[in-house]
Protein backbone atom coordinates (compact mmCIF):
# COMPACT_ATOMS: atom_id res chain seq x y z
CA UNK A 1 -45.19 -168.57 -56.88
CA UNK A 2 -44.96 -165.42 -58.74
CA UNK A 3 -42.49 -166.95 -62.02
CA UNK A 4 -39.81 -164.60 -62.92
CA UNK A 5 -37.73 -162.51 -65.14
CA UNK A 6 -35.23 -164.46 -67.42
CA UNK A 7 -31.51 -163.11 -66.78
CA UNK A 8 -29.50 -162.71 -69.28
CA UNK A 9 -25.75 -163.96 -69.91
CA UNK A 10 -22.57 -163.79 -71.87
CA UNK A 11 -20.49 -167.27 -71.41
CA UNK A 12 -17.00 -167.52 -73.11
CA UNK A 13 -15.66 -170.68 -74.78
CA UNK A 14 -12.68 -171.50 -77.46
CA UNK A 15 -14.01 -171.85 -80.74
CA UNK A 16 -11.96 -174.39 -81.44
CA UNK A 17 -13.09 -175.76 -77.87
CA UNK A 18 -17.02 -175.53 -77.77
CA UNK A 19 -18.31 -173.42 -80.52
CA UNK A 20 -22.09 -171.98 -81.49
CA UNK A 21 -21.30 -174.75 -84.04
CA UNK A 22 -21.07 -178.44 -81.53
CA UNK A 23 -24.09 -176.84 -79.62
CA UNK A 24 -25.67 -176.80 -82.54
CA UNK A 25 -25.48 -179.96 -83.27
CA UNK A 26 -25.21 -181.28 -79.31
CA UNK A 27 -28.35 -179.09 -78.49
CA UNK A 28 -27.81 -178.86 -75.60
CA UNK A 29 -24.56 -178.86 -72.94
CA UNK A 30 -22.76 -179.03 -69.40
CA UNK A 31 -21.15 -175.39 -68.90
CA UNK A 32 -18.08 -177.24 -67.13
CA UNK A 33 -14.73 -176.40 -66.35
CA UNK A 34 -15.34 -173.24 -64.44
CA UNK A 35 -12.38 -172.34 -62.33
CA UNK A 36 -13.05 -168.30 -60.80
CA UNK A 37 -15.28 -168.39 -58.01
CA UNK A 38 -17.40 -165.59 -58.89
CA UNK A 39 -18.65 -167.13 -62.03
CA UNK A 40 -19.43 -169.97 -60.11
CA UNK A 41 -21.85 -168.23 -57.75
CA UNK A 42 -22.82 -166.41 -60.81
CA UNK A 43 -24.04 -170.51 -61.33
CA UNK A 44 -25.17 -171.68 -57.98
CA UNK A 45 -26.81 -168.02 -56.99
CA UNK A 46 -27.98 -166.91 -59.79
CA UNK A 47 -28.19 -168.85 -63.42
CA UNK A 48 -31.93 -169.79 -63.38
CA UNK A 49 -33.46 -172.58 -66.05
CA UNK A 50 -35.05 -170.56 -68.78
CA UNK A 51 -32.45 -167.44 -68.41
CA UNK A 52 -30.82 -166.38 -72.00
CA UNK A 53 -26.89 -166.92 -72.49
CA UNK A 54 -24.80 -164.84 -75.50
CA UNK A 55 -22.80 -167.70 -76.27
CA UNK A 56 -19.00 -165.44 -77.07
CA UNK A 57 -16.46 -166.99 -78.99
CA UNK A 58 -12.71 -166.00 -76.98
CA UNK A 59 -9.61 -166.94 -78.37
CA UNK A 60 -10.91 -166.50 -81.97
CA UNK A 61 -9.78 -164.43 -84.71
CA UNK A 62 -12.25 -162.17 -84.72
CA UNK A 63 -13.55 -162.56 -80.53
CA UNK A 64 -17.04 -162.29 -81.01
CA UNK A 65 -21.20 -163.22 -80.03
CA UNK A 66 -22.29 -165.92 -82.30
CA UNK A 67 -25.46 -166.69 -81.06
CA UNK A 68 -27.92 -167.26 -78.35
CA UNK A 69 -28.33 -170.57 -75.76
CA UNK A 70 -30.25 -170.88 -72.46
CA UNK A 71 -29.61 -172.00 -69.77
CA UNK A 72 -31.66 -175.80 -69.17
CA UNK A 73 -30.93 -177.12 -65.80
CA UNK A 74 -29.41 -175.23 -63.38
CA UNK A 75 -26.53 -175.43 -61.00
CA UNK A 76 -24.72 -179.25 -60.01
CA UNK A 77 -21.31 -180.50 -58.62
CA UNK A 78 -18.73 -180.08 -62.17
CA UNK A 79 -17.49 -183.91 -62.22
CA UNK A 80 -14.50 -182.43 -64.22
CA UNK A 81 -12.74 -181.31 -60.57
CA UNK A 82 -12.82 -185.09 -60.02
CA UNK A 83 -11.13 -186.13 -62.09
CA UNK A 84 -7.32 -186.41 -62.05
CA UNK A 85 -8.25 -187.30 -65.79
CA UNK A 86 -9.50 -183.77 -66.77
CA UNK A 87 -8.56 -180.87 -66.97
CA UNK A 88 -10.66 -179.25 -64.50
CA UNK A 89 -9.00 -181.19 -62.10
CA UNK A 90 -9.10 -179.62 -58.38
CA UNK A 91 -7.20 -182.36 -56.36
CA UNK A 92 -8.65 -180.19 -53.34
CA UNK A 93 -12.75 -180.72 -54.11
CA UNK A 94 -14.23 -183.32 -52.91
CA UNK A 95 -17.53 -185.20 -54.14
CA UNK A 96 -19.26 -184.46 -50.32
CA UNK A 97 -18.26 -180.98 -50.70
CA UNK A 98 -17.32 -179.96 -53.98
CA UNK A 99 -15.84 -176.96 -54.66
CA UNK A 100 -17.02 -175.74 -58.75
CA UNK A 101 -20.79 -176.16 -60.62
CA UNK A 102 -21.65 -176.80 -63.67
CA UNK A 103 -25.09 -175.88 -65.80
CA UNK A 104 -25.95 -177.40 -68.53
CA UNK A 105 -27.16 -174.52 -71.42
CA UNK A 106 -29.25 -174.99 -74.75
CA UNK A 107 -28.57 -174.43 -78.07
CA UNK A 108 -31.24 -170.93 -79.26
CA UNK A 109 -29.81 -170.05 -82.26
CA UNK A 110 -26.42 -169.27 -84.14
CA UNK A 111 -26.36 -165.67 -85.49
CA UNK A 112 -26.64 -164.62 -88.90
CA UNK A 113 -23.59 -162.36 -88.53
CA UNK A 114 -20.91 -162.93 -85.98
CA UNK A 115 -20.72 -159.98 -83.48
CA UNK A 116 -17.09 -159.30 -82.74
CA UNK A 117 -15.54 -157.81 -80.15
CA UNK A 118 -14.77 -154.48 -82.78
CA UNK A 119 -18.70 -154.05 -82.95
CA UNK A 120 -19.29 -154.43 -79.54
CA UNK A 121 -16.92 -151.58 -79.23
CA UNK A 122 -18.68 -149.57 -81.43
CA UNK A 123 -21.67 -149.41 -80.08
CA UNK A 124 -21.86 -146.33 -77.67
CA UNK A 125 -24.98 -147.93 -75.81
CA UNK A 126 -23.08 -150.98 -74.85
CA UNK A 127 -20.12 -149.25 -73.49
CA UNK A 128 -21.04 -150.24 -70.25
CA UNK A 129 -21.37 -154.57 -70.95
CA UNK A 130 -18.72 -155.82 -68.65
CA UNK A 131 -16.72 -158.15 -71.71
CA UNK A 132 -15.43 -154.59 -72.18
CA UNK A 133 -14.31 -153.58 -69.86
CA UNK A 134 -10.67 -153.70 -69.32
CA UNK A 135 -8.85 -156.53 -67.70
CA UNK A 136 -12.39 -158.74 -67.46
CA UNK A 137 -11.45 -161.87 -67.86
CA UNK A 138 -14.74 -163.97 -66.38
CA UNK A 139 -15.32 -166.50 -68.62
CA UNK A 140 -19.50 -166.04 -67.78
CA UNK A 141 -20.51 -163.06 -66.81
CA UNK A 142 -24.25 -161.30 -66.34
CA UNK A 143 -25.57 -159.42 -69.21
CA UNK A 144 -27.80 -156.26 -69.53
CA UNK A 145 -31.44 -156.96 -71.13
CA UNK A 146 -31.06 -153.53 -72.98
CA UNK A 147 -28.01 -154.67 -73.86
CA UNK A 148 -28.56 -158.87 -75.25
CA UNK A 149 -31.40 -157.23 -77.06
CA UNK A 150 -29.06 -154.69 -78.66
CA UNK A 151 -26.48 -157.80 -79.24
CA UNK A 152 -29.08 -160.19 -81.07
CA UNK A 153 -29.97 -157.41 -82.68
CA UNK A 154 -26.75 -156.82 -83.98
CA UNK A 155 -26.13 -160.60 -85.23
CA UNK A 156 -29.34 -160.82 -86.45
CA UNK A 157 -28.83 -158.50 -88.98
CA UNK A 158 -26.40 -157.63 -93.04
C-alpha cells in the first residue's frame, strides 16, 4: 500500500459563525452544513486524512485566509440534515440514504496575518485559484500545492 501525497483544499466559513480562533480553541470540529453536490463529492471522493486546508473567513471585512487546518476524519453523514431544528435540515435526506456528508478538521496554525482576498488577487502566481474566479460560490474547493504553499508563506510574513 503506497501512501499518496496530501491534497490541498480551501474551506470557507463565516468568521462570525466559526472562525480559525474557534478551531484553535476546539482543536477539531466537524465541517457540517455543506449543501452543494460538487463540494459534497470532493469530501466523499477526494478528501483524505492528512490533507491540508486553507481556512478562509468569508463574509468578513476583509475576507481572506486566516490559517491552516487538516482533515482528521474522512467523509461521513452530516447529522444536521436529519434534525428539523437545524438550519441545514433536509427533509428529503434519509438516514439509510444520506444526501450530505461532512469531514472533521483539526487545527494546524493561525496565520500571523490574514491573507485577504485583495492580497490573493494581487499575486499573479495565484490568478488561477478557484476562489478568485468570478462567480465562484463553493464553500469547499481544491487548491494546487504551489498556491497553498504561497498563501501559507504570505500568512506568516510581515
